[in-house]
Amino acid sequence: MTAIESDDRSRWIALYVLCVGMLMIVLDATVVNVALPSIQDDLHFTTSSLAWVVNAYLITFGGLLLLAGRLGDLVGRRRIFLIGIALFTCASFLCGISQSQGLLVTARFLQGIGGALTSAVILGMIVTMFPEPREQAKAIGVYAFVASAGGAVGLLAGGILTQAINWHWIFFVNIPIGIATALLARRLIARDQALGLDAGADIPGAFLITTALMLGVYTIVKPAAEYGWGAVRTLELGALALVLLAGFVAREATARSPLVALRIFRSRNVSGANLVQILSVAGMFGTFFLGSLYLQRVLGYDALEIGLAFLPVTVVMGTLSLRFSEGLIMRFGAKSMQFPGLGLIMVSLLLFARAPVHGHYLTDVLPVMVLLGAGAGMCFPALMTLAMSGAAPHEAGLASGLVNTSAQVGGALGLAVLATLSSTHSEHLEKAGKTTEAALVGGYHLAFLIAAGLVAVAIGVALIVLAPQERAARESAGRDVQLSGSPG
């Protein structure tokens, strides 16, 4: 084996190591949901306090993604990745040994920090390791499959571990994976050149954006979900989050060494791809959550059966992402792949909006899963390629953090809005005389129709805003030349 072949093999192995780290993070977001009833019984959580097992993770994870991505540019993406893996693994151990509510919730906060540090820099590392377009498209296809399909795998893994052993093992299983990932990453991934903290050591900006995002995620998952979007507390906290976000933008526009150079948003593909992702993930995330409830509450599936029901999404998406996304992107262009991909996702949601009370898996659920997996496998690798093509190499960590942040915000918003509207509509239907099952299905139908509408808007944004990948790369190179001697 020549030196070039050995180096190429090492890069691909390093990619798989990074994706295993990402899979561990993604799995944790859904695997816990399956185990919540067991955790509640064992540690005697109330229904309201049980939500903190999920919310503690979501708040720190969603709030720190953007900052973590930028820190990767400033102090080294490899370093941030290893710190994140170490923290996530240690926090998983604390979760696993938890015998009290306080320790579990605290450990989940720490898990969220580790998850943000780990996942925020991975995409930036991938595009740096694979600069050649064809290889990059293939590598991003692998990453997109792991990032998007991991949720469905988490449902299956959670059901197996919880039923076969106990809920503690959904956390303990992270420990050997985390240790192996860290050791292999140290060996296979070279140190990257960091900009240095002087290039963006903006402490006020870091405080503003982190506080704004954490408060925003908290508002979505707590007061909005419990009291409604029009409640005074929801509006007050939402307004405060927006004020902090506006303060961050004002700070970055005037700071000598900004944490986030706002010029990155001048790229149509950075801004457009993240907006498309917020809208499409909002629709898809609602499908996973409400689809699971439909299978459980209406069709009577248990946790393991729900995981198996969603398995076709993973299989179909994996086939497209790993085998065909590279060739499709190189032949038709990343922008062109958005329309059939998003279109299939929209059709799958419309089909789910017709699922009956006495539904059958083969006729009412399986077609939805296949179309959803096909749509995601076509559009998400291309979408990530577009988002990263619009960012300069020294902003790869920031762009990677933005991609993850938009997915997190889109998922949280989609879940909160669709779950609230579904629940409210179901209550109205039951008061009008519908049976409980019929009322539940009516609520799910409304949510799936709204989710399909969000994806339709995403198609419009993709059509109007996104630019071909090659043009985005030229724009990025032009900005680098213009700003090579400029501060910030």
Protein backbone atom coordinates (compact mmCIF):
# COMPACT_ATOMS: atom_id res chain seq x y z
CA MET A 1 0.00 0.00 0.00
CA THR A 2 1.41 3.38 -1.03
CA ALA A 3 1.64 6.37 1.33
CA ILE A 4 -1.16 8.13 -0.60
CA GLU A 5 -3.45 5.09 -0.33
CA SER A 6 -2.69 4.76 3.38
CA ASP A 7 -3.47 8.44 3.99
CA ASP A 8 -6.72 8.14 2.02
CA ARG A 9 -7.75 5.06 4.01
CA SER A 10 -6.97 6.85 7.28
CA ARG A 11 -9.19 9.78 6.28
CA TRP A 12 -12.17 7.54 5.65
CA ILE A 13 -11.64 5.65 8.89
CA ALA A 14 -11.42 9.02 10.66
CA LEU A 15 -14.75 9.97 9.06
CA TYR A 16 -16.39 6.85 10.45
CA VAL A 17 -14.95 7.62 13.89
CA LEU A 18 -16.44 11.14 13.75
CA CYS A 19 -19.79 9.71 12.65
CA VAL A 20 -19.81 7.21 15.52
CA GLY A 21 -19.34 10.16 17.86
CA MET A 22 -22.22 11.96 16.14
CA LEU A 23 -24.41 8.85 16.28
CA MET A 24 -23.87 8.60 20.03
CA ILE A 25 -25.05 12.20 20.44
CA VAL A 26 -28.04 11.83 18.10
CA LEU A 27 -29.16 8.54 19.66
CA ASP A 28 -29.22 10.13 23.09
CA ALA A 29 -31.79 12.69 21.96
CA THR A 30 -34.39 9.98 21.26
CA VAL A 31 -33.30 6.88 23.17
CA VAL A 32 -34.20 8.58 26.47
CA ASN A 33 -37.80 9.23 25.34
CA VAL A 34 -38.52 5.50 25.16
CA ALA A 35 -37.18 4.95 28.69
CA LEU A 36 -39.06 7.84 30.36
CA PRO A 37 -41.86 5.69 31.87
CA SER A 38 -39.27 3.38 33.47
CA ILE A 39 -37.24 6.35 34.77
CA GLN A 40 -40.39 7.90 36.22
CA ASP A 41 -41.36 4.72 38.08
CA ASP A 42 -37.84 4.07 39.37
CA LEU A 43 -36.91 7.57 40.56
CA HIS A 44 -40.48 8.71 41.42
CA PHE A 45 -40.60 11.73 39.10
CA THR A 46 -43.86 13.62 38.82
CA THR A 47 -45.18 14.14 35.31
CA SER A 48 -44.04 17.77 35.25
CA SER A 49 -40.60 17.13 36.75
CA LEU A 50 -40.01 14.20 34.37
CA ALA A 51 -39.86 16.67 31.48
CA TRP A 52 -36.57 17.98 32.90
CA VAL A 53 -34.86 14.69 32.03
CA VAL A 54 -35.32 15.76 28.38
CA ASN A 55 -35.33 19.55 28.76
CA ALA A 56 -32.08 19.74 30.73
CA TYR A 57 -30.28 18.17 27.79
CA LEU A 58 -32.07 20.20 25.12
CA ILE A 59 -31.43 23.58 26.76
CA THR A 60 -27.66 23.24 27.09
CA PHE A 61 -27.29 21.36 23.81
CA GLY A 62 -29.29 23.85 21.73
CA GLY A 63 -27.90 26.87 23.54
CA LEU A 64 -24.22 26.05 23.09
CA LEU A 65 -24.05 24.72 19.52
CA LEU A 66 -23.25 28.04 17.84
CA LEU A 67 -20.65 29.01 20.44
CA ALA A 68 -19.09 25.53 20.31
CA GLY A 69 -18.78 25.69 16.52
CA ARG A 70 -16.99 29.02 16.66
CA LEU A 71 -14.72 27.84 19.49
CA GLY A 72 -13.67 25.04 17.15
CA ASP A 73 -12.40 27.64 14.66
CA LEU A 74 -10.63 29.59 17.38
CA VAL A 75 -8.94 26.88 19.48
CA GLY A 76 -9.05 23.86 17.16
CA ARG A 77 -11.94 21.67 16.05
CA ARG A 78 -10.14 18.45 17.03
CA ARG A 79 -9.57 19.79 20.54
CA ILE A 80 -13.20 20.83 21.00
CA PHE A 81 -14.38 17.45 19.67
CA LEU A 82 -12.21 15.54 22.17
CA ILE A 83 -13.28 17.75 25.08
CA GLY A 84 -16.91 17.21 24.13
CA ILE A 85 -16.55 13.42 23.88
CA ALA A 86 -14.83 13.28 27.28
CA LEU A 87 -17.52 15.39 28.96
CA PHE A 88 -20.38 13.50 27.29
CA THR A 89 -18.91 10.13 28.30
CA CYS A 90 -18.36 11.17 31.93
CA ALA A 91 -21.86 12.66 32.10
CA SER A 92 -23.30 9.42 30.66
CA PHE A 93 -21.66 7.51 33.51
CA LEU A 94 -23.26 9.89 36.03
CA CYS A 95 -26.65 9.42 34.34
CA GLY A 96 -26.25 5.64 34.48
CA ILE A 97 -25.46 5.51 38.21
CA SER A 98 -28.15 8.05 39.12
CA GLN A 99 -30.38 7.00 41.98
CA SER A 100 -31.90 10.44 42.53
CA GLN A 101 -33.77 12.97 40.44
CA GLY A 102 -31.26 15.74 41.14
CA LEU A 103 -28.21 13.78 39.99
CA LEU A 104 -29.90 12.59 36.79
CA VAL A 105 -31.08 16.08 35.78
CA THR A 106 -27.67 17.61 36.59
CA ALA A 107 -25.90 14.92 34.58
CA ARG A 108 -28.26 15.55 31.67
CA PHE A 109 -27.28 19.24 31.73
CA LEU A 110 -23.63 18.16 31.46
CA GLN A 111 -24.48 15.71 28.69
CA GLY A 112 -26.00 18.55 26.72
CA ILE A 113 -22.80 20.60 27.01
CA GLY A 114 -20.68 17.65 25.89
CA GLY A 115 -23.07 16.88 23.05
CA ALA A 116 -22.93 20.47 21.79
CA LEU A 117 -19.12 20.59 21.86
CA THR A 118 -18.87 17.27 20.04
CA SER A 119 -21.48 17.65 17.32
CA ALA A 120 -20.97 21.34 16.52
CA VAL A 121 -17.53 20.85 14.93
CA ILE A 122 -17.91 17.52 13.12
CA LEU A 123 -19.24 18.85 9.82
CA GLY A 124 -16.51 21.50 9.77
CA MET A 125 -13.89 18.79 10.28
CA ILE A 126 -15.36 16.70 7.46
CA VAL A 127 -15.28 19.45 4.83
CA THR A 128 -11.70 20.25 5.83
CA MET A 129 -10.64 16.60 5.57
CA PHE A 130 -12.38 16.13 2.20
CA PRO A 131 -11.89 19.31 0.12
CA GLU A 132 -12.40 17.58 -3.26
CA PRO A 133 -16.09 17.97 -4.31
CA ARG A 134 -16.87 14.33 -5.13
CA GLU A 135 -15.26 12.99 -1.96
CA GLN A 136 -16.85 15.74 0.09
CA ALA A 137 -20.32 14.89 -1.25
CA LYS A 138 -19.81 11.24 -0.33
CA ALA A 139 -18.48 12.07 3.14
CA ILE A 140 -21.34 14.48 3.86
CA GLY A 141 -23.76 11.79 2.70
CA VAL A 142 -22.43 9.48 5.42
CA TYR A 143 -22.67 12.25 8.01
CA ALA A 144 -26.18 13.28 6.93
CA PHE A 145 -27.40 9.71 7.22
CA VAL A 146 -26.08 9.41 10.77
CA ALA A 147 -27.35 12.85 11.83
CA SER A 148 -30.84 12.41 10.37
CA ALA A 149 -31.57 8.70 10.72
CA GLY A 150 -30.08 8.34 14.19
CA GLY A 151 -33.37 9.39 15.74
CA ALA A 152 -35.16 6.36 14.31
CA VAL A 153 -32.33 4.08 15.45
CA GLY A 154 -32.63 5.63 18.92
CA LEU A 155 -36.26 4.57 19.19
CA LEU A 156 -35.28 0.97 18.42
CA ALA A 157 -32.20 0.96 20.68
CA GLY A 158 -34.14 2.52 23.54
CA GLY A 159 -36.84 -0.10 23.30
CA ILE A 160 -34.37 -3.00 23.23
CA LEU A 161 -32.18 -1.77 26.11
CA THR A 162 -35.08 -0.73 28.35
CA GLN A 163 -37.03 -3.94 27.88
CA ALA A 164 -34.07 -6.36 27.86
CA ILE A 165 -32.05 -4.86 30.76
CA ASN A 166 -33.08 -1.54 32.37
CA TRP A 167 -33.03 2.19 31.66
CA HIS A 168 -29.57 2.70 33.21
CA TRP A 169 -28.01 0.94 30.22
CA ILE A 170 -29.19 3.53 27.70
CA PHE A 171 -26.51 5.70 29.34
CA PHE A 172 -23.90 3.05 30.22
CA VAL A 173 -23.68 1.96 26.57
CA ASN A 174 -22.19 5.37 25.74
CA ILE A 175 -19.13 4.78 27.92
CA PRO A 176 -17.20 2.19 25.83
CA ILE A 177 -18.29 3.94 22.62
CA GLY A 178 -17.08 7.31 23.91
CA ILE A 179 -13.72 5.95 25.09
CA ALA A 180 -13.08 4.13 21.80
CA THR A 181 -14.09 7.20 19.77
CA ALA A 182 -11.76 9.48 21.73
CA LEU A 183 -8.78 7.12 21.45
CA LEU A 184 -9.25 6.60 17.71
CA ALA A 185 -9.84 10.30 17.09
CA ARG A 186 -6.58 11.21 18.86
CA ARG A 187 -4.72 8.74 16.65
CA LEU A 188 -6.38 9.32 13.28
CA ILE A 189 -7.33 13.01 13.20
CA ALA A 190 -4.53 15.51 12.75
CA ARG A 191 -4.42 18.72 14.75
CA ASP A 192 -6.03 21.51 12.76
CA GLN A 193 -4.74 25.06 12.51
CA ALA A 194 -6.68 27.29 14.88
CA LEU A 195 -7.23 31.02 14.44
CA GLY A 196 -6.46 31.76 18.10
CA LEU A 197 -8.77 33.32 20.67
CA ASP A 198 -7.61 36.80 19.66
CA ALA A 199 -9.49 36.34 16.37
CA GLY A 200 -12.83 36.18 18.17
CA ALA A 201 -12.46 36.39 21.93
CA ASP A 202 -15.74 38.28 22.28
CA ILE A 203 -16.93 37.39 25.79
CA PRO A 204 -19.97 39.74 25.79
CA GLY A 205 -21.05 38.32 22.43
CA ALA A 206 -20.61 34.76 23.68
CA PHE A 207 -22.71 35.53 26.75
CA LEU A 208 -25.48 37.16 24.70
CA ILE A 209 -25.84 34.42 22.07
CA THR A 210 -25.58 31.54 24.55
CA THR A 211 -28.12 33.11 26.92
CA ALA A 212 -30.46 33.99 24.05
CA LEU A 213 -30.41 30.46 22.61
CA MET A 214 -30.75 28.73 25.98
CA LEU A 215 -33.64 30.99 26.96
CA GLY A 216 -35.25 30.50 23.56
CA VAL A 217 -35.05 26.70 23.79
CA TYR A 218 -36.32 26.82 27.39
CA THR A 219 -39.30 28.96 26.32
CA ILE A 220 -40.20 26.46 23.61
CA VAL A 221 -39.89 23.29 25.68
CA LYS A 222 -41.30 24.57 28.99
CA PRO A 223 -43.81 27.49 29.21
CA ALA A 224 -44.93 27.28 25.57
CA ALA A 225 -45.54 23.55 25.82
CA GLU A 226 -47.24 23.75 29.23
CA TYR A 227 -49.19 27.03 29.14
CA GLY A 228 -49.53 27.77 25.43
CA TRP A 229 -47.93 30.25 23.02
CA GLY A 230 -50.22 33.11 24.07
CA ALA A 231 -49.50 32.80 27.81
CA VAL A 232 -47.97 35.86 29.49
CA ARG A 233 -44.93 33.92 30.74
CA THR A 234 -44.27 32.50 27.28
CA LEU A 235 -44.49 35.92 25.63
CA GLU A 236 -42.28 37.54 28.27
CA LEU A 237 -39.51 34.96 28.01
CA GLY A 238 -39.77 34.84 24.21
CA ALA A 239 -39.48 38.62 24.01
CA LEU A 240 -36.46 38.58 26.33
CA ALA A 241 -34.75 35.94 24.16
CA LEU A 242 -35.34 38.10 21.06
CA VAL A 243 -33.96 41.18 22.85
CA LEU A 244 -30.81 39.25 23.79
CA LEU A 245 -30.49 38.01 20.21
CA ALA A 246 -30.84 41.57 18.89
CA GLY A 247 -28.20 42.68 21.39
CA PHE A 248 -25.89 39.97 20.08
CA VAL A 249 -26.34 41.11 16.48
CA ALA A 250 -25.64 44.72 17.49
CA ARG A 251 -22.56 43.63 19.43
CA GLU A 252 -21.16 41.56 16.54
CA ALA A 253 -21.70 44.42 14.09
CA THR A 254 -19.46 46.72 16.13
CA ALA A 255 -17.00 44.38 17.94
CA ARG A 256 -13.36 44.62 16.87
CA SER A 257 -12.95 40.83 17.07
CA PRO A 258 -16.50 39.44 16.79
CA LEU A 259 -17.35 35.94 17.89
CA VAL A 260 -19.46 35.56 14.74
CA ALA A 261 -18.55 37.69 11.74
CA LEU A 262 -21.98 38.65 10.38
CA ARG A 263 -20.66 38.60 6.84
CA ILE A 264 -21.15 34.81 6.84
CA PHE A 265 -24.89 35.45 6.50
CA ARG A 266 -24.30 37.31 3.24
CA SER A 267 -23.90 33.90 1.66
CA ARG A 268 -27.24 32.93 0.14
CA ASN A 269 -26.48 29.26 0.77
CA VAL A 270 -25.48 29.62 4.42
CA SER A 271 -28.62 31.63 5.20
CA GLY A 272 -30.91 29.76 2.81
CA ALA A 273 -29.79 26.25 3.74
CA ASN A 274 -30.24 26.91 7.44
CA LEU A 275 -33.72 28.36 6.88
CA VAL A 276 -34.70 25.38 4.73
CA GLN A 277 -33.42 23.08 7.46
CA ILE A 278 -35.39 24.82 10.21
CA LEU A 279 -38.62 24.45 8.23
CA SER A 280 -38.08 20.88 7.01
CA VAL A 281 -36.78 19.53 10.33
CA ALA A 282 -39.74 21.15 12.11
CA GLY A 283 -42.04 19.06 9.93
CA MET A 284 -40.02 15.85 10.16
CA PHE A 285 -39.39 16.00 13.91
CA GLY A 286 -43.11 16.33 14.52
CA THR A 287 -43.61 13.22 12.42
CA PHE A 288 -41.30 11.12 14.58
CA PHE A 289 -42.91 12.31 17.81
CA LEU A 290 -46.58 12.34 16.80
CA GLY A 291 -46.14 9.27 14.62
CA SER A 292 -44.84 7.42 17.67
CA LEU A 293 -47.89 8.55 19.66
CA TYR A 294 -50.21 7.37 16.87
CA LEU A 295 -48.59 3.94 16.88
CA GLN A 296 -48.68 3.72 20.69
CA ARG A 297 -52.02 5.30 21.65
CA VAL A 298 -54.12 4.37 18.62
CA LEU A 299 -52.60 1.17 17.20
CA GLY A 300 -51.34 -0.16 20.55
CA TYR A 301 -47.65 -0.66 19.71
CA ASP A 302 -45.08 -1.12 22.49
CA ALA A 303 -41.66 0.60 22.57
CA LEU A 304 -39.84 -2.09 20.59
CA GLU A 305 -42.58 -2.31 17.95
CA ILE A 306 -42.44 1.49 17.50
CA GLY A 307 -38.69 1.31 16.93
CA LEU A 308 -39.14 -1.45 14.34
CA ALA A 309 -41.93 0.51 12.66
CA PHE A 310 -39.56 3.43 12.02
CA LEU A 311 -36.72 1.19 10.83
CA PRO A 312 -37.61 1.58 7.09
CA VAL A 313 -36.81 5.30 7.38
CA THR A 314 -33.27 4.41 8.40
CA VAL A 315 -32.84 1.69 5.78
CA VAL A 316 -34.09 3.75 2.84
CA MET A 317 -32.29 6.90 3.90
CA GLY A 318 -29.09 4.98 4.50
CA THR A 319 -29.23 3.39 1.06
CA LEU A 320 -29.66 6.75 -0.66
CA SER A 321 -27.23 8.70 1.52
CA LEU A 322 -24.42 6.14 1.50
CA ARG A 323 -24.75 4.72 -2.01
CA PHE A 324 -26.29 7.33 -4.26
CA SER A 325 -26.10 10.86 -2.79
CA GLU A 326 -22.57 11.51 -4.07
CA GLY A 327 -23.44 10.60 -7.68
CA LEU A 328 -26.76 12.47 -7.61
CA ILE A 329 -25.19 15.65 -6.21
CA MET A 330 -22.32 15.57 -8.70
CA ARG A 331 -24.68 14.98 -11.64
CA PHE A 332 -27.63 17.24 -10.85
CA GLY A 333 -26.20 19.71 -8.33
CA ALA A 334 -26.96 20.11 -4.63
CA LYS A 335 -29.66 22.73 -5.16
CA SER A 336 -31.58 20.58 -7.66
CA MET A 337 -31.70 17.70 -5.18
CA GLN A 338 -33.75 19.77 -2.73
CA PHE A 339 -36.92 19.71 -4.80
CA PRO A 340 -37.53 15.96 -5.23
CA GLY A 341 -36.26 15.32 -1.68
CA LEU A 342 -38.44 17.90 0.03
CA GLY A 343 -41.32 16.96 -2.26
CA LEU A 344 -41.22 13.33 -1.09
CA ILE A 345 -41.12 14.44 2.55
CA MET A 346 -44.18 16.63 1.95
CA VAL A 347 -46.07 13.77 0.26
CA SER A 348 -45.23 11.43 3.15
CA LEU A 349 -46.66 13.92 5.64
CA LEU A 350 -49.83 14.32 3.58
CA LEU A 351 -50.23 10.54 3.52
CA PHE A 352 -49.82 10.38 7.30
CA ALA A 353 -52.59 12.98 7.56
CA ARG A 354 -54.94 10.31 6.19
CA ALA A 355 -54.01 7.52 8.65
CA PRO A 356 -57.28 6.07 10.06
CA VAL A 357 -58.23 5.00 13.58
CA HIS A 358 -58.10 1.33 12.66
CA GLY A 359 -54.98 1.63 10.53
CA HIS A 360 -52.70 -1.12 9.26
CA TYR A 361 -48.94 -0.85 9.18
CA LEU A 362 -48.43 -2.13 5.62
CA THR A 363 -50.98 0.18 4.02
CA ASP A 364 -51.09 3.24 6.30
CA VAL A 365 -47.64 3.53 7.89
CA LEU A 366 -45.01 1.75 5.79
CA PRO A 367 -45.50 3.94 2.66
CA VAL A 368 -45.01 7.03 4.85
CA MET A 369 -41.77 5.65 6.27
CA VAL A 370 -40.38 4.73 2.85
CA LEU A 371 -41.16 8.12 1.31
CA LEU A 372 -39.85 9.96 4.36
CA GLY A 373 -36.57 8.05 4.25
CA ALA A 374 -36.23 8.59 0.49
CA GLY A 375 -36.88 12.31 0.76
CA ALA A 376 -34.46 12.80 3.64
CA GLY A 377 -31.80 10.72 1.90
CA MET A 378 -32.05 12.90 -1.20
CA CYS A 379 -32.22 16.38 0.28
CA PHE A 380 -30.27 16.50 3.55
CA PRO A 381 -26.79 15.51 2.26
CA ALA A 382 -27.22 18.08 -0.52
CA LEU A 383 -28.50 20.70 1.93
CA MET A 384 -25.45 20.30 4.17
CA THR A 385 -23.18 20.48 1.14
CA LEU A 386 -24.78 23.79 0.17
CA ALA A 387 -24.52 25.20 3.70
CA MET A 388 -20.82 24.42 3.91
CA SER A 389 -20.03 25.54 0.33
CA GLY A 390 -21.11 29.06 1.25
CA ALA A 391 -18.62 29.32 4.15
CA ALA A 392 -14.92 30.11 3.96
CA PRO A 393 -12.52 27.41 5.30
CA HIS A 394 -11.67 29.43 8.43
CA GLU A 395 -15.43 29.66 9.18
CA ALA A 396 -16.10 25.92 8.78
CA GLY A 397 -16.64 25.39 12.50
CA LEU A 398 -19.06 28.32 12.70
CA ALA A 399 -20.98 27.08 9.64
CA SER A 400 -21.08 23.58 11.14
CA GLY A 401 -22.43 24.99 14.41
CA LEU A 402 -25.07 26.94 12.50
CA VAL A 403 -26.25 23.81 10.69
CA ASN A 404 -26.63 21.94 13.98
CA THR A 405 -28.27 24.93 15.69
CA SER A 406 -30.87 25.32 12.94
CA ALA A 407 -31.70 21.61 13.13
CA GLN A 408 -32.06 21.82 16.90
CA VAL A 409 -34.17 24.99 16.84
CA GLY A 410 -36.31 23.62 14.00
CA GLY A 411 -36.90 20.36 15.87
CA ALA A 412 -37.78 22.10 19.13
CA LEU A 413 -40.10 24.59 17.43
CA GLY A 414 -41.75 21.93 15.32
CA LEU A 415 -42.33 19.63 18.26
CA ALA A 416 -43.73 22.38 20.49
CA VAL A 417 -46.03 23.90 17.87
CA LEU A 418 -47.30 20.68 16.33
CA ALA A 419 -47.79 18.90 19.67
CA THR A 420 -49.69 21.89 21.11
CA LEU A 421 -51.96 22.28 18.09
CA SER A 422 -52.56 18.53 17.91
CA SER A 423 -53.46 18.30 21.60
CA THR A 424 -55.77 21.33 21.46
CA HIS A 425 -57.61 20.05 18.39
CA SER A 426 -58.02 16.60 19.94
CA GLU A 427 -59.57 18.15 23.05
CA HIS A 428 -62.05 20.10 20.93
CA LEU A 429 -63.00 16.98 18.96
CA GLU A 430 -63.53 14.92 22.12
CA LYS A 431 -65.74 17.64 23.61
CA ALA A 432 -67.72 17.60 20.36
CA GLY A 433 -68.55 13.92 20.94
CA LYS A 434 -65.76 12.05 19.14
CA THR A 435 -64.31 8.91 20.69
CA THR A 436 -60.90 9.26 22.34
CA GLU A 437 -59.15 7.41 19.49
CA ALA A 438 -60.93 9.43 16.80
CA ALA A 439 -60.13 12.69 18.60
CA LEU A 440 -56.44 11.75 18.89
CA VAL A 441 -56.23 10.85 15.21
CA GLY A 442 -57.98 14.10 14.27
CA GLY A 443 -55.33 16.04 16.21
CA TYR A 444 -52.51 14.12 14.54
CA HIS A 445 -54.06 14.78 11.11
CA LEU A 446 -54.03 18.53 11.70
CA ALA A 447 -50.40 18.42 12.87
CA PHE A 448 -49.26 16.43 9.82
CA LEU A 449 -51.04 18.85 7.47
CA ILE A 450 -49.30 21.82 9.11
CA ALA A 451 -45.97 19.94 8.94
CA ALA A 452 -46.53 19.40 5.21
CA GLY A 453 -47.20 23.13 4.87
CA LEU A 454 -43.87 23.93 6.56
CA VAL A 455 -42.06 21.68 4.09
CA ALA A 456 -43.89 23.38 1.21
CA VAL A 457 -42.56 26.74 2.46
CA ALA A 458 -39.07 25.17 2.63
CA ILE A 459 -39.39 24.25 -1.06
CA GLY A 460 -40.23 27.87 -1.86
CA VAL A 461 -37.22 29.12 0.11
CA ALA A 462 -34.95 26.64 -1.67
CA LEU A 463 -36.24 27.79 -5.04
CA ILE A 464 -35.79 31.51 -4.36
CA VAL A 465 -32.77 31.76 -2.05
CA LEU A 466 -30.38 28.88 -2.70
CA ALA A 467 -27.67 29.28 -5.34
CA PRO A 468 -25.83 26.52 -7.23
CA GLN A 469 -22.93 25.11 -5.20
CA GLU A 470 -20.25 26.26 -7.63
CA ARG A 471 -21.48 29.85 -7.50
CA ALA A 472 -21.52 29.78 -3.70
CA ALA A 473 -17.93 28.56 -3.65
CA ARG A 474 -16.87 31.44 -5.95
CA GLU A 475 -18.68 33.95 -3.70
CA SER A 476 -16.94 32.50 -0.64
CA ALA A 477 -13.54 32.73 -2.32
CA GLY A 478 -14.28 36.32 -3.35
CA ARG A 479 -15.12 37.28 0.25
CA ASP A 480 -11.87 35.72 1.43
CA VAL A 481 -9.88 37.82 -1.02
CA GLN A 482 -11.70 41.02 -0.10
CA LEU A 483 -11.41 40.46 3.64
CA SER A 484 -7.95 38.87 3.85
CA GLY A 485 -6.52 41.98 5.42
CA SER A 486 -9.57 43.06 7.38
CA PRO A 487 -10.06 42.47 11.10
CA GLY A 488 -13.00 40.31 12.20
